[in-house]
Amino acid sequence: MKCLPLLALLLGATTAHSQTLDWGNEVFDNLVDSSGAALGNTFVFELGAFDAGFTPNESNVEDWVAHWNVFDRASYNESIGYFASSVKMQADGTSNSAWLTPGSGSFEGLEAFLFIRNGDLPMPLTEWLLARASTWIFPAADPECCPNGLPTQWAVNDIDDETPVFGGVDGIPGGGIVGSPSPNGLQTHTFVPEPAAFLLLALGGLVALGRRRRL
């Protein structure tokens, strides 16, 4: 994966203190789900942070969405596998994004995550990817900073060498299950059904089989 297309060439080096943040991926990146199918428009691509003191891991996936605070959401073009957005940090540490989580509070100094998903409930057929780069820390809010500065850029290639919390990045697997591992790009993973769900499926199968035998 590469950095944001054309932006790096057009803008050159960026300042680490810019209050404008450009983020996204490269056109025609490989963006697939756990079965290897291309991600469709049912997926959302969000940049944000979790509540202070909450660390997302596979043991608390059911709580992720409740503790998730959206800083921005990117537009997505399914036909070219491209998502991107430009957002500005406000003086209070929030953003000017229409997707900002109400009452989220300041994002200053928080670890930023990329959260891709097609649903908010951690269940089979729901696909998630949660990943971040070690350099992704929301800057301090400074309304007097860098009025003519170039935007800070966070690109997908920043997380190439990082292990995702959930999903896969360039063949590096994180949490969740995958049926067709992808060696490159971003890949969402799905969830293992709960034992109770397996039992219900099994009972349903036995009932259906019994009915067919009586016919």
N, C-alpha and C. Protein backbone atom coordinates (compact mmCIF):
# COMPACT_ATOMS: atom_id res chain seq x y z
N MET A 1 0.83 -1.20 0.00
CA MET A 1 0.00 0.00 0.00
C MET A 1 0.87 1.25 0.00
N LYS A 2 0.34 2.32 -0.56
CA LYS A 2 1.09 3.54 -0.68
C LYS A 2 0.38 4.67 0.06
N CYS A 3 1.00 5.82 0.06
CA CYS A 3 0.41 6.95 0.76
C CYS A 3 -0.69 7.55 -0.10
N LEU A 4 -1.34 8.58 0.42
CA LEU A 4 -2.43 9.21 -0.29
C LEU A 4 -2.01 9.60 -1.69
N PRO A 5 -2.77 9.24 -2.72
CA PRO A 5 -2.38 9.52 -4.09
C PRO A 5 -2.31 11.02 -4.36
N LEU A 6 -1.25 11.42 -4.99
CA LEU A 6 -1.01 12.78 -5.45
C LEU A 6 -0.79 13.79 -4.33
N LEU A 7 -1.40 13.55 -3.15
CA LEU A 7 -1.31 14.55 -2.09
C LEU A 7 0.13 14.80 -1.67
N ALA A 8 0.88 13.71 -1.48
CA ALA A 8 2.26 13.87 -1.04
C ALA A 8 3.07 14.63 -2.08
N LEU A 9 2.81 14.34 -3.35
CA LEU A 9 3.55 15.02 -4.40
C LEU A 9 3.17 16.48 -4.50
N LEU A 10 1.89 16.75 -4.31
CA LEU A 10 1.41 18.13 -4.45
C LEU A 10 1.73 18.98 -3.23
N LEU A 11 1.73 18.34 -2.05
CA LEU A 11 1.87 19.11 -0.82
C LEU A 11 3.26 19.03 -0.22
N GLY A 12 4.02 17.99 -0.55
CA GLY A 12 5.35 17.86 0.01
C GLY A 12 5.29 17.51 1.47
N ALA A 13 6.33 17.90 2.22
CA ALA A 13 6.40 17.57 3.65
C ALA A 13 5.31 18.29 4.41
N THR A 14 4.87 17.67 5.51
CA THR A 14 3.82 18.26 6.33
C THR A 14 4.36 18.64 7.69
N THR A 15 3.64 19.51 8.36
CA THR A 15 4.02 19.89 9.71
C THR A 15 3.30 19.01 10.71
N ALA A 16 3.98 18.61 11.76
CA ALA A 16 3.39 17.71 12.75
C ALA A 16 2.34 18.42 13.59
N HIS A 17 2.26 19.76 13.49
CA HIS A 17 1.36 20.51 14.36
C HIS A 17 0.16 21.08 13.61
N SER A 18 0.01 20.74 12.35
CA SER A 18 -1.11 21.27 11.59
C SER A 18 -2.42 20.86 12.22
N GLN A 19 -3.40 21.73 12.18
CA GLN A 19 -4.72 21.44 12.72
C GLN A 19 -5.64 20.81 11.68
N THR A 20 -5.17 20.69 10.45
CA THR A 20 -5.93 20.01 9.40
C THR A 20 -5.31 18.63 9.16
N LEU A 21 -6.17 17.63 9.10
CA LEU A 21 -5.72 16.25 8.96
C LEU A 21 -6.32 15.64 7.70
N ASP A 22 -5.47 15.21 6.78
CA ASP A 22 -5.89 14.46 5.61
C ASP A 22 -5.61 12.99 5.87
N TRP A 23 -6.58 12.14 5.63
CA TRP A 23 -6.38 10.72 5.90
C TRP A 23 -7.12 9.86 4.88
N GLY A 24 -6.59 8.66 4.64
CA GLY A 24 -7.23 7.76 3.70
C GLY A 24 -6.25 6.74 3.15
N ASN A 25 -6.55 6.22 1.97
CA ASN A 25 -5.72 5.18 1.38
C ASN A 25 -5.37 5.54 -0.05
N GLU A 26 -4.79 4.60 -0.76
CA GLU A 26 -4.41 4.78 -2.16
C GLU A 26 -5.48 4.21 -3.08
N VAL A 27 -5.73 4.86 -4.18
CA VAL A 27 -6.67 4.36 -5.17
C VAL A 27 -6.29 2.94 -5.59
N PHE A 28 -7.31 2.10 -5.72
CA PHE A 28 -7.15 0.70 -6.13
C PHE A 28 -6.39 -0.14 -5.10
N ASP A 29 -6.39 0.29 -3.85
CA ASP A 29 -5.88 -0.59 -2.80
C ASP A 29 -6.76 -1.84 -2.72
N ASN A 30 -6.20 -2.89 -2.16
CA ASN A 30 -6.94 -4.12 -1.97
C ASN A 30 -7.71 -4.03 -0.66
N LEU A 31 -9.01 -3.85 -0.74
CA LEU A 31 -9.87 -3.74 0.44
C LEU A 31 -10.89 -4.87 0.36
N VAL A 32 -10.73 -5.88 1.21
CA VAL A 32 -11.57 -7.08 1.11
C VAL A 32 -12.09 -7.51 2.47
N ASP A 33 -13.14 -8.33 2.43
CA ASP A 33 -13.69 -8.87 3.67
C ASP A 33 -13.06 -10.23 3.97
N SER A 34 -13.58 -10.92 4.98
CA SER A 34 -12.97 -12.16 5.43
C SER A 34 -13.03 -13.28 4.41
N SER A 35 -13.92 -13.16 3.43
CA SER A 35 -14.01 -14.17 2.38
C SER A 35 -13.21 -13.80 1.14
N GLY A 36 -12.59 -12.61 1.17
CA GLY A 36 -11.80 -12.16 0.03
C GLY A 36 -12.57 -11.31 -0.95
N ALA A 37 -13.85 -11.03 -0.68
CA ALA A 37 -14.66 -10.19 -1.57
C ALA A 37 -14.39 -8.72 -1.31
N ALA A 38 -14.45 -7.91 -2.36
CA ALA A 38 -14.20 -6.48 -2.23
C ALA A 38 -15.23 -5.83 -1.29
N LEU A 39 -14.78 -4.88 -0.49
CA LEU A 39 -15.69 -4.19 0.42
C LEU A 39 -16.68 -3.35 -0.37
N GLY A 40 -17.94 -3.43 0.02
CA GLY A 40 -18.99 -2.68 -0.65
C GLY A 40 -19.36 -1.42 0.10
N ASN A 41 -20.38 -0.76 -0.36
CA ASN A 41 -20.79 0.51 0.23
C ASN A 41 -21.56 0.37 1.53
N THR A 42 -21.73 -0.87 2.01
CA THR A 42 -22.33 -1.06 3.33
C THR A 42 -21.32 -0.78 4.44
N PHE A 43 -20.04 -0.66 4.08
CA PHE A 43 -18.99 -0.43 5.08
C PHE A 43 -18.80 1.06 5.34
N VAL A 44 -18.48 1.37 6.60
CA VAL A 44 -18.11 2.74 6.97
C VAL A 44 -16.63 2.75 7.33
N PHE A 45 -15.99 3.88 7.08
CA PHE A 45 -14.56 4.06 7.32
C PHE A 45 -14.41 5.25 8.26
N GLU A 46 -14.09 4.98 9.52
CA GLU A 46 -14.06 6.03 10.52
C GLU A 46 -12.69 6.16 11.17
N LEU A 47 -12.36 7.39 11.51
CA LEU A 47 -11.16 7.71 12.28
C LEU A 47 -11.63 8.24 13.61
N GLY A 48 -11.08 7.71 14.69
CA GLY A 48 -11.53 8.17 15.99
C GLY A 48 -10.69 7.62 17.12
N ALA A 49 -11.25 7.65 18.32
CA ALA A 49 -10.53 7.20 19.51
C ALA A 49 -11.52 6.59 20.49
N PHE A 50 -11.01 5.75 21.36
CA PHE A 50 -11.84 5.16 22.40
C PHE A 50 -11.78 6.01 23.67
N ASP A 51 -12.79 5.84 24.50
CA ASP A 51 -12.81 6.57 25.77
C ASP A 51 -11.51 6.35 26.53
N ALA A 52 -11.04 7.38 27.18
CA ALA A 52 -9.81 7.27 27.96
C ALA A 52 -9.94 6.13 28.98
N GLY A 53 -8.94 5.28 29.03
CA GLY A 53 -8.94 4.16 29.96
C GLY A 53 -9.50 2.88 29.38
N PHE A 54 -10.10 2.96 28.17
CA PHE A 54 -10.64 1.75 27.54
C PHE A 54 -9.67 1.26 26.48
N THR A 55 -9.24 0.00 26.60
CA THR A 55 -8.32 -0.60 25.64
C THR A 55 -9.05 -1.69 24.87
N PRO A 56 -9.27 -1.50 23.56
CA PRO A 56 -10.01 -2.50 22.79
C PRO A 56 -9.19 -3.77 22.58
N ASN A 57 -9.81 -4.92 22.82
CA ASN A 57 -9.19 -6.21 22.52
C ASN A 57 -10.31 -7.21 22.28
N GLU A 58 -9.94 -8.44 21.92
CA GLU A 58 -10.97 -9.42 21.56
C GLU A 58 -11.87 -9.81 22.72
N SER A 59 -11.42 -9.58 23.94
CA SER A 59 -12.23 -9.98 25.08
C SER A 59 -13.35 -8.98 25.37
N ASN A 60 -13.28 -7.79 24.79
CA ASN A 60 -14.32 -6.79 25.07
C ASN A 60 -14.93 -6.21 23.80
N VAL A 61 -14.95 -7.00 22.71
CA VAL A 61 -15.47 -6.48 21.43
C VAL A 61 -16.90 -5.98 21.55
N GLU A 62 -17.68 -6.58 22.44
CA GLU A 62 -19.08 -6.16 22.57
C GLU A 62 -19.20 -4.74 23.12
N ASP A 63 -18.11 -4.20 23.67
CA ASP A 63 -18.15 -2.85 24.24
C ASP A 63 -17.49 -1.80 23.35
N TRP A 64 -16.90 -2.22 22.23
CA TRP A 64 -16.14 -1.27 21.41
C TRP A 64 -16.99 -0.09 20.94
N VAL A 65 -18.12 -0.39 20.33
CA VAL A 65 -18.94 0.68 19.75
C VAL A 65 -19.42 1.65 20.82
N ALA A 66 -19.74 1.14 22.00
CA ALA A 66 -20.22 2.00 23.09
C ALA A 66 -19.13 2.96 23.56
N HIS A 67 -17.87 2.56 23.43
CA HIS A 67 -16.75 3.40 23.88
C HIS A 67 -16.06 4.13 22.72
N TRP A 68 -16.60 4.00 21.52
CA TRP A 68 -15.98 4.56 20.32
C TRP A 68 -16.44 5.99 20.09
N ASN A 69 -15.49 6.88 19.80
CA ASN A 69 -15.79 8.28 19.51
C ASN A 69 -15.27 8.61 18.11
N VAL A 70 -16.18 9.00 17.24
CA VAL A 70 -15.82 9.31 15.85
C VAL A 70 -15.26 10.72 15.75
N PHE A 71 -14.06 10.83 15.20
CA PHE A 71 -13.47 12.13 14.89
C PHE A 71 -13.87 12.56 13.48
N ASP A 72 -13.94 11.57 12.58
CA ASP A 72 -14.32 11.85 11.19
C ASP A 72 -14.68 10.54 10.50
N ARG A 73 -15.48 10.65 9.45
CA ARG A 73 -15.80 9.50 8.60
C ARG A 73 -15.45 9.86 7.16
N ALA A 74 -14.82 8.93 6.46
CA ALA A 74 -14.38 9.17 5.09
C ALA A 74 -15.45 8.75 4.09
N SER A 75 -15.47 9.42 2.96
CA SER A 75 -16.30 8.96 1.85
C SER A 75 -15.59 7.78 1.21
N TYR A 76 -16.37 6.88 0.58
CA TYR A 76 -15.80 5.66 0.01
C TYR A 76 -16.30 5.47 -1.40
N ASN A 77 -15.36 5.21 -2.31
CA ASN A 77 -15.69 4.91 -3.70
C ASN A 77 -15.41 3.44 -3.94
N GLU A 78 -16.46 2.64 -3.96
CA GLU A 78 -16.32 1.19 -4.08
C GLU A 78 -15.65 0.79 -5.39
N SER A 79 -15.93 1.51 -6.47
CA SER A 79 -15.44 1.11 -7.78
C SER A 79 -13.92 1.20 -7.90
N ILE A 80 -13.30 2.08 -7.10
CA ILE A 80 -11.84 2.21 -7.15
C ILE A 80 -11.18 1.88 -5.81
N GLY A 81 -11.95 1.35 -4.86
CA GLY A 81 -11.39 0.94 -3.59
C GLY A 81 -10.69 2.07 -2.85
N TYR A 82 -11.35 3.21 -2.74
CA TYR A 82 -10.68 4.41 -2.22
C TYR A 82 -11.53 5.11 -1.17
N PHE A 83 -10.94 5.39 -0.02
CA PHE A 83 -11.61 6.20 0.98
C PHE A 83 -10.67 7.31 1.43
N ALA A 84 -11.21 8.50 1.68
CA ALA A 84 -10.37 9.63 2.07
C ALA A 84 -11.25 10.74 2.64
N SER A 85 -10.63 11.58 3.45
CA SER A 85 -11.32 12.74 4.00
C SER A 85 -10.30 13.76 4.47
N SER A 86 -10.76 14.98 4.64
CA SER A 86 -9.95 16.05 5.21
C SER A 86 -10.78 16.69 6.32
N VAL A 87 -10.19 16.81 7.50
CA VAL A 87 -10.94 17.28 8.66
C VAL A 87 -10.06 18.24 9.46
N LYS A 88 -10.69 19.13 10.18
CA LYS A 88 -9.93 20.12 10.95
C LYS A 88 -10.24 19.97 12.44
N MET A 89 -9.19 20.04 13.26
CA MET A 89 -9.37 20.02 14.70
C MET A 89 -9.80 21.40 15.16
N GLN A 90 -10.80 21.44 16.03
CA GLN A 90 -11.31 22.69 16.57
C GLN A 90 -10.54 23.12 17.82
N ALA A 91 -10.81 24.33 18.27
CA ALA A 91 -10.11 24.87 19.43
C ALA A 91 -10.36 24.06 20.70
N ASP A 92 -11.50 23.33 20.76
CA ASP A 92 -11.82 22.54 21.95
C ASP A 92 -11.35 21.09 21.85
N GLY A 93 -10.58 20.77 20.79
CA GLY A 93 -10.05 19.43 20.65
C GLY A 93 -10.97 18.46 19.93
N THR A 94 -12.14 18.93 19.50
CA THR A 94 -13.03 18.10 18.69
C THR A 94 -12.74 18.38 17.22
N SER A 95 -13.61 17.95 16.33
CA SER A 95 -13.40 18.19 14.91
C SER A 95 -14.59 18.92 14.31
N ASN A 96 -14.41 19.36 13.07
CA ASN A 96 -15.51 20.02 12.36
C ASN A 96 -16.28 19.04 11.48
N SER A 97 -16.08 17.76 11.71
CA SER A 97 -16.74 16.74 10.91
C SER A 97 -18.22 16.63 11.26
N ALA A 98 -19.03 16.38 10.24
CA ALA A 98 -20.46 16.16 10.46
C ALA A 98 -20.71 14.84 11.20
N TRP A 99 -19.71 13.96 11.21
CA TRP A 99 -19.84 12.65 11.83
C TRP A 99 -19.28 12.61 13.25
N LEU A 100 -18.82 13.74 13.77
CA LEU A 100 -18.27 13.79 15.13
C LEU A 100 -19.28 13.24 16.14
N THR A 101 -18.82 12.37 17.03
CA THR A 101 -19.69 11.84 18.08
C THR A 101 -20.07 12.95 19.04
N PRO A 102 -21.36 13.24 19.20
CA PRO A 102 -21.78 14.31 20.11
C PRO A 102 -21.30 14.03 21.54
N GLY A 103 -20.76 15.07 22.18
CA GLY A 103 -20.31 14.93 23.55
C GLY A 103 -19.05 14.12 23.71
N SER A 104 -18.31 13.93 22.63
CA SER A 104 -17.11 13.09 22.69
C SER A 104 -16.00 13.69 23.55
N GLY A 105 -15.98 15.01 23.68
CA GLY A 105 -14.89 15.65 24.40
C GLY A 105 -13.66 15.80 23.53
N SER A 106 -12.58 16.29 24.11
CA SER A 106 -11.36 16.54 23.36
C SER A 106 -10.65 15.26 22.97
N PHE A 107 -10.10 15.26 21.75
CA PHE A 107 -9.31 14.13 21.25
C PHE A 107 -7.82 14.35 21.47
N GLU A 108 -7.44 15.46 22.04
CA GLU A 108 -6.02 15.80 22.20
C GLU A 108 -5.25 14.68 22.89
N GLY A 109 -4.16 14.25 22.27
CA GLY A 109 -3.28 13.27 22.88
C GLY A 109 -3.77 11.84 22.86
N LEU A 110 -4.96 11.59 22.32
CA LEU A 110 -5.49 10.22 22.30
C LEU A 110 -4.95 9.44 21.11
N GLU A 111 -4.86 8.12 21.26
CA GLU A 111 -4.45 7.26 20.16
C GLU A 111 -5.57 7.20 19.13
N ALA A 112 -5.23 7.42 17.87
CA ALA A 112 -6.21 7.39 16.80
C ALA A 112 -6.27 6.01 16.17
N PHE A 113 -7.49 5.56 15.86
CA PHE A 113 -7.70 4.25 15.24
C PHE A 113 -8.49 4.41 13.94
N LEU A 114 -8.26 3.50 13.02
CA LEU A 114 -9.09 3.33 11.84
C LEU A 114 -10.05 2.18 12.14
N PHE A 115 -11.35 2.45 12.06
CA PHE A 115 -12.37 1.45 12.37
C PHE A 115 -13.26 1.29 11.13
N ILE A 116 -13.13 0.13 10.47
CA ILE A 116 -13.93 -0.19 9.29
C ILE A 116 -14.93 -1.27 9.69
N ARG A 117 -16.19 -1.11 9.32
CA ARG A 117 -17.18 -2.12 9.70
C ARG A 117 -18.45 -1.99 8.85
N ASN A 118 -19.20 -3.08 8.81
CA ASN A 118 -20.49 -3.06 8.12
C ASN A 118 -21.65 -3.26 9.07
N GLY A 119 -21.40 -3.13 10.35
CA GLY A 119 -22.43 -3.25 11.36
C GLY A 119 -21.84 -2.98 12.73
N ASP A 120 -22.69 -2.65 13.68
CA ASP A 120 -22.21 -2.30 15.02
C ASP A 120 -22.25 -3.44 16.01
N LEU A 121 -22.82 -4.58 15.63
CA LEU A 121 -22.91 -5.72 16.54
C LEU A 121 -21.87 -6.77 16.17
N PRO A 122 -21.05 -7.21 17.14
CA PRO A 122 -20.04 -8.23 16.87
C PRO A 122 -20.66 -9.62 16.76
N MET A 123 -21.03 -10.00 15.55
CA MET A 123 -21.71 -11.27 15.32
C MET A 123 -21.30 -11.81 13.95
N PRO A 124 -21.49 -13.11 13.72
CA PRO A 124 -21.16 -13.67 12.41
C PRO A 124 -21.84 -12.89 11.29
N LEU A 125 -21.14 -12.71 10.19
CA LEU A 125 -21.54 -11.94 9.02
C LEU A 125 -21.25 -10.45 9.18
N THR A 126 -21.00 -10.01 10.41
CA THR A 126 -20.50 -8.65 10.60
C THR A 126 -19.00 -8.67 10.40
N GLU A 127 -18.48 -7.68 9.68
CA GLU A 127 -17.07 -7.62 9.33
C GLU A 127 -16.45 -6.35 9.92
N TRP A 128 -15.34 -6.52 10.65
CA TRP A 128 -14.67 -5.37 11.25
C TRP A 128 -13.17 -5.38 10.95
N LEU A 129 -12.60 -4.19 10.91
CA LEU A 129 -11.15 -4.02 10.98
C LEU A 129 -10.88 -2.85 11.92
N LEU A 130 -9.99 -3.07 12.87
CA LEU A 130 -9.56 -2.02 13.79
C LEU A 130 -8.04 -2.01 13.82
N ALA A 131 -7.45 -0.90 13.42
CA ALA A 131 -5.99 -0.83 13.34
C ALA A 131 -5.53 0.60 13.55
N ARG A 132 -4.26 0.74 13.85
CA ARG A 132 -3.67 2.07 14.02
C ARG A 132 -2.17 1.99 13.79
N ALA A 133 -1.58 3.14 13.58
CA ALA A 133 -0.13 3.27 13.51
C ALA A 133 0.36 3.89 14.80
N SER A 134 1.57 3.55 15.20
CA SER A 134 2.11 4.08 16.46
C SER A 134 2.26 5.60 16.42
N THR A 135 2.32 6.16 15.22
CA THR A 135 2.49 7.61 15.08
C THR A 135 1.16 8.36 15.10
N TRP A 136 0.08 7.64 15.12
CA TRP A 136 -1.23 8.29 15.06
C TRP A 136 -1.67 8.73 16.46
N ILE A 137 -1.28 9.92 16.83
CA ILE A 137 -1.69 10.54 18.09
C ILE A 137 -2.33 11.89 17.74
N PHE A 138 -3.54 12.10 18.20
CA PHE A 138 -4.20 13.37 17.91
C PHE A 138 -3.40 14.53 18.50
N PRO A 139 -3.16 15.59 17.71
CA PRO A 139 -2.34 16.71 18.19
C PRO A 139 -3.07 17.56 19.21
N ALA A 140 -2.33 18.43 19.83
CA ALA A 140 -2.93 19.39 20.75
C ALA A 140 -3.72 20.42 19.95
N ALA A 141 -4.87 20.80 20.47
CA ALA A 141 -5.68 21.81 19.79
C ALA A 141 -5.05 23.17 19.99
N ASP A 142 -4.79 23.86 18.91
CA ASP A 142 -4.14 25.16 18.97
C ASP A 142 -4.69 26.04 17.85
N PRO A 143 -5.70 26.85 18.13
CA PRO A 143 -6.31 27.67 17.08
C PRO A 143 -5.36 28.69 16.47
N GLU A 144 -4.23 28.98 17.15
CA GLU A 144 -3.28 29.94 16.61
C GLU A 144 -2.18 29.25 15.79
N CYS A 145 -2.23 27.91 15.74
CA CYS A 145 -1.16 27.17 15.08
C CYS A 145 -1.27 27.18 13.57
N CYS A 146 -0.17 27.46 12.97
CA CYS A 146 0.10 27.11 11.58
C CYS A 146 -0.99 27.52 10.60
N PRO A 147 -1.38 28.78 10.56
CA PRO A 147 -2.46 29.19 9.65
C PRO A 147 -2.15 28.90 8.18
N ASN A 148 -0.87 28.89 7.85
CA ASN A 148 -0.48 28.60 6.47
C ASN A 148 0.22 27.25 6.34
N GLY A 149 0.12 26.45 7.40
CA GLY A 149 0.81 25.16 7.39
C GLY A 149 0.12 24.15 6.50
N LEU A 150 0.87 23.18 6.05
CA LEU A 150 0.32 22.11 5.24
C LEU A 150 -0.37 21.08 6.13
N PRO A 151 -1.37 20.38 5.61
CA PRO A 151 -2.10 19.39 6.43
C PRO A 151 -1.20 18.25 6.89
N THR A 152 -1.49 17.74 8.06
CA THR A 152 -0.90 16.49 8.49
C THR A 152 -1.55 15.37 7.69
N GLN A 153 -0.77 14.37 7.29
CA GLN A 153 -1.32 13.27 6.50
C GLN A 153 -1.15 11.95 7.23
N TRP A 154 -2.24 11.25 7.41
CA TRP A 154 -2.22 9.90 7.95
C TRP A 154 -2.72 8.98 6.85
N ALA A 155 -1.85 8.10 6.38
CA ALA A 155 -2.18 7.21 5.28
C ALA A 155 -2.16 5.76 5.73
N VAL A 156 -2.86 4.93 4.99
CA VAL A 156 -2.96 3.51 5.32
C VAL A 156 -1.58 2.85 5.41
N ASN A 157 -0.64 3.31 4.59
CA ASN A 157 0.68 2.67 4.63
C ASN A 157 1.40 2.91 5.96
N ASP A 158 0.92 3.84 6.79
CA ASP A 158 1.51 4.06 8.10
C ASP A 158 1.37 2.83 9.00
N ILE A 159 0.36 2.01 8.75
CA ILE A 159 0.09 0.87 9.63
C ILE A 159 0.57 -0.45 9.03
N ASP A 160 1.34 -0.39 7.95
CA ASP A 160 1.80 -1.61 7.28
C ASP A 160 2.54 -2.58 8.19
N ASP A 161 3.31 -2.07 9.13
CA ASP A 161 4.12 -2.93 9.99
C ASP A 161 3.52 -3.12 11.38
N GLU A 162 2.29 -2.69 11.55
CA GLU A 162 1.64 -2.79 12.85
C GLU A 162 0.66 -3.97 12.84
N THR A 163 0.55 -4.66 13.95
CA THR A 163 -0.44 -5.73 14.07
C THR A 163 -1.79 -5.13 14.39
N PRO A 164 -2.79 -5.36 13.55
CA PRO A 164 -4.11 -4.78 13.83
C PRO A 164 -4.75 -5.42 15.05
N VAL A 165 -5.63 -4.68 15.70
CA VAL A 165 -6.37 -5.24 16.82
C VAL A 165 -7.35 -6.30 16.32
N PHE A 166 -7.96 -6.02 15.17
CA PHE A 166 -8.95 -6.92 14.58
C PHE A 166 -8.87 -6.77 13.07
N GLY A 167 -8.86 -7.88 12.34
CA GLY A 167 -8.73 -7.81 10.89
C GLY A 167 -7.30 -8.08 10.47
N GLY A 168 -6.99 -7.77 9.21
CA GLY A 168 -5.67 -8.01 8.67
C GLY A 168 -5.14 -6.83 7.90
N VAL A 169 -3.83 -6.59 7.98
CA VAL A 169 -3.18 -5.51 7.25
C VAL A 169 -1.95 -6.07 6.56
N ASP A 170 -1.98 -6.10 5.23
CA ASP A 170 -0.86 -6.63 4.43
C ASP A 170 -0.41 -8.01 4.91
N GLY A 171 -1.37 -8.86 5.18
CA GLY A 171 -1.06 -10.23 5.58
C GLY A 171 -0.76 -10.41 7.05
N ILE A 172 -0.69 -9.32 7.81
CA ILE A 172 -0.49 -9.42 9.26
C ILE A 172 -1.86 -9.59 9.91
N PRO A 173 -2.13 -10.74 10.52
CA PRO A 173 -3.46 -10.99 11.08
C PRO A 173 -3.62 -10.45 12.49
N GLY A 174 -4.79 -9.90 12.74
CA GLY A 174 -5.17 -9.52 14.09
C GLY A 174 -6.27 -10.45 14.56
N GLY A 175 -7.19 -9.93 15.34
CA GLY A 175 -8.26 -10.76 15.86
C GLY A 175 -9.30 -11.10 14.82
N GLY A 176 -10.24 -11.96 15.21
CA GLY A 176 -11.31 -12.38 14.32
C GLY A 176 -10.93 -13.58 13.48
N ILE A 177 -11.88 -14.04 12.68
CA ILE A 177 -11.63 -15.20 11.83
C ILE A 177 -11.72 -14.78 10.36
N VAL A 178 -10.98 -15.50 9.54
CA VAL A 178 -10.90 -15.18 8.11
C VAL A 178 -10.92 -16.49 7.32
N GLY A 179 -11.68 -16.49 6.23
CA GLY A 179 -11.77 -17.70 5.43
C GLY A 179 -10.82 -17.71 4.26
N SER A 180 -10.44 -16.52 3.79
CA SER A 180 -9.55 -16.41 2.63
C SER A 180 -8.54 -15.31 2.91
N PRO A 181 -7.44 -15.61 3.60
CA PRO A 181 -6.47 -14.59 3.99
C PRO A 181 -5.90 -13.83 2.79
N SER A 182 -5.80 -12.53 2.95
CA SER A 182 -5.23 -11.70 1.89
C SER A 182 -3.81 -11.29 2.26
N PRO A 183 -2.84 -11.44 1.33
CA PRO A 183 -1.45 -11.10 1.63
C PRO A 183 -1.16 -9.61 1.53
N ASN A 184 -2.12 -8.84 1.06
CA ASN A 184 -1.88 -7.39 0.94
C ASN A 184 -3.18 -6.61 1.11
N GLY A 185 -3.03 -5.35 1.44
CA GLY A 185 -4.20 -4.49 1.62
C GLY A 185 -4.84 -4.63 2.98
N LEU A 186 -6.04 -4.12 3.10
CA LEU A 186 -6.81 -4.18 4.34
C LEU A 186 -7.86 -5.26 4.22
N GLN A 187 -8.02 -6.05 5.26
CA GLN A 187 -9.01 -7.12 5.25
C GLN A 187 -9.79 -7.13 6.55
N THR A 188 -11.11 -7.04 6.45
CA THR A 188 -11.94 -7.17 7.63
C THR A 188 -12.05 -8.64 8.00
N HIS A 189 -12.26 -8.90 9.28
CA HIS A 189 -12.49 -10.26 9.76
C HIS A 189 -13.88 -10.32 10.36
N THR A 190 -14.40 -11.53 10.52
CA THR A 190 -15.72 -11.70 11.11
C THR A 190 -15.59 -12.39 12.47
N PHE A 191 -16.73 -12.76 13.05
CA PHE A 191 -16.75 -13.24 14.42
C PHE A 191 -17.14 -14.71 14.51
N VAL A 192 -16.64 -15.39 15.53
CA VAL A 192 -17.00 -16.77 15.79
C VAL A 192 -18.35 -16.77 16.50
N PRO A 193 -19.32 -17.57 16.02
CA PRO A 193 -20.61 -17.62 16.70
C PRO A 193 -20.46 -18.08 18.15
N GLU A 194 -21.30 -17.56 19.00
CA GLU A 194 -21.32 -18.00 20.40
C GLU A 194 -21.78 -19.46 20.46
N PRO A 195 -21.34 -20.22 21.49
CA PRO A 195 -21.77 -21.63 21.62
C PRO A 195 -23.28 -21.79 21.57
N ALA A 196 -24.01 -20.85 22.16
CA ALA A 196 -25.47 -20.94 22.15
C ALA A 196 -26.00 -20.83 20.73
N ALA A 197 -25.35 -20.00 19.93
CA ALA A 197 -25.78 -19.86 18.54
C ALA A 197 -25.53 -21.15 17.77
N PHE A 198 -24.37 -21.79 18.03
CA PHE A 198 -24.09 -23.06 17.39
C PHE A 198 -25.16 -24.10 17.76
N LEU A 199 -25.56 -24.10 19.04
CA LEU A 199 -26.56 -25.07 19.50
C LEU A 199 -27.88 -24.85 18.80
N LEU A 200 -28.29 -23.58 18.68
CA LEU A 200 -29.54 -23.28 18.00
C LEU A 200 -29.50 -23.70 16.54
N LEU A 201 -28.36 -23.46 15.89
CA LEU A 201 -28.22 -23.87 14.50
C LEU A 201 -28.31 -25.39 14.36
N ALA A 202 -27.65 -26.09 15.30
CA ALA A 202 -27.67 -27.55 15.25
C ALA A 202 -29.08 -28.08 15.47
N LEU A 203 -29.79 -27.54 16.46
CA LEU A 203 -31.15 -27.98 16.73
C LEU A 203 -32.06 -27.71 15.54
N GLY A 204 -31.85 -26.52 14.93
CA GLY A 204 -32.64 -26.18 13.75
C GLY A 204 -32.41 -27.15 12.62
N GLY A 205 -31.15 -27.56 12.44
CA GLY A 205 -30.82 -28.53 11.40
C GLY A 205 -31.46 -29.88 11.65
N LEU A 206 -31.44 -30.31 12.93
CA LEU A 206 -32.03 -31.61 13.27
C LEU A 206 -33.54 -31.60 13.05
N VAL A 207 -34.19 -30.49 13.42
CA VAL A 207 -35.64 -30.38 13.21
C VAL A 207 -35.98 -30.43 11.74
N ALA A 208 -35.19 -29.69 10.93
CA ALA A 208 -35.43 -29.68 9.48
C ALA A 208 -35.22 -31.06 8.88
N LEU A 209 -34.18 -31.77 9.36
CA LEU A 209 -33.89 -33.11 8.85
C LEU A 209 -35.02 -34.07 9.21
N GLY A 210 -35.52 -33.97 10.43
CA GLY A 210 -36.61 -34.82 10.86
C GLY A 210 -37.87 -34.60 10.03
N ARG A 211 -38.16 -33.34 9.70
CA ARG A 211 -39.33 -33.04 8.90
C ARG A 211 -39.21 -33.64 7.51
N ARG A 212 -38.01 -33.53 6.94
CA ARG A 212 -37.81 -34.06 5.58
C ARG A 212 -37.98 -35.57 5.58
N ARG A 213 -37.54 -36.25 6.64
CA ARG A 213 -37.65 -37.71 6.69
C ARG A 213 -39.11 -38.17 6.82
N ARG A 214 -39.94 -37.34 7.46
CA ARG A 214 -41.34 -37.71 7.63
C ARG A 214 -42.15 -37.50 6.37
N LEU A 215 -41.63 -36.62 5.47
CA LEU A 215 -42.37 -36.32 4.25
C LEU A 215 -42.34 -37.48 3.26
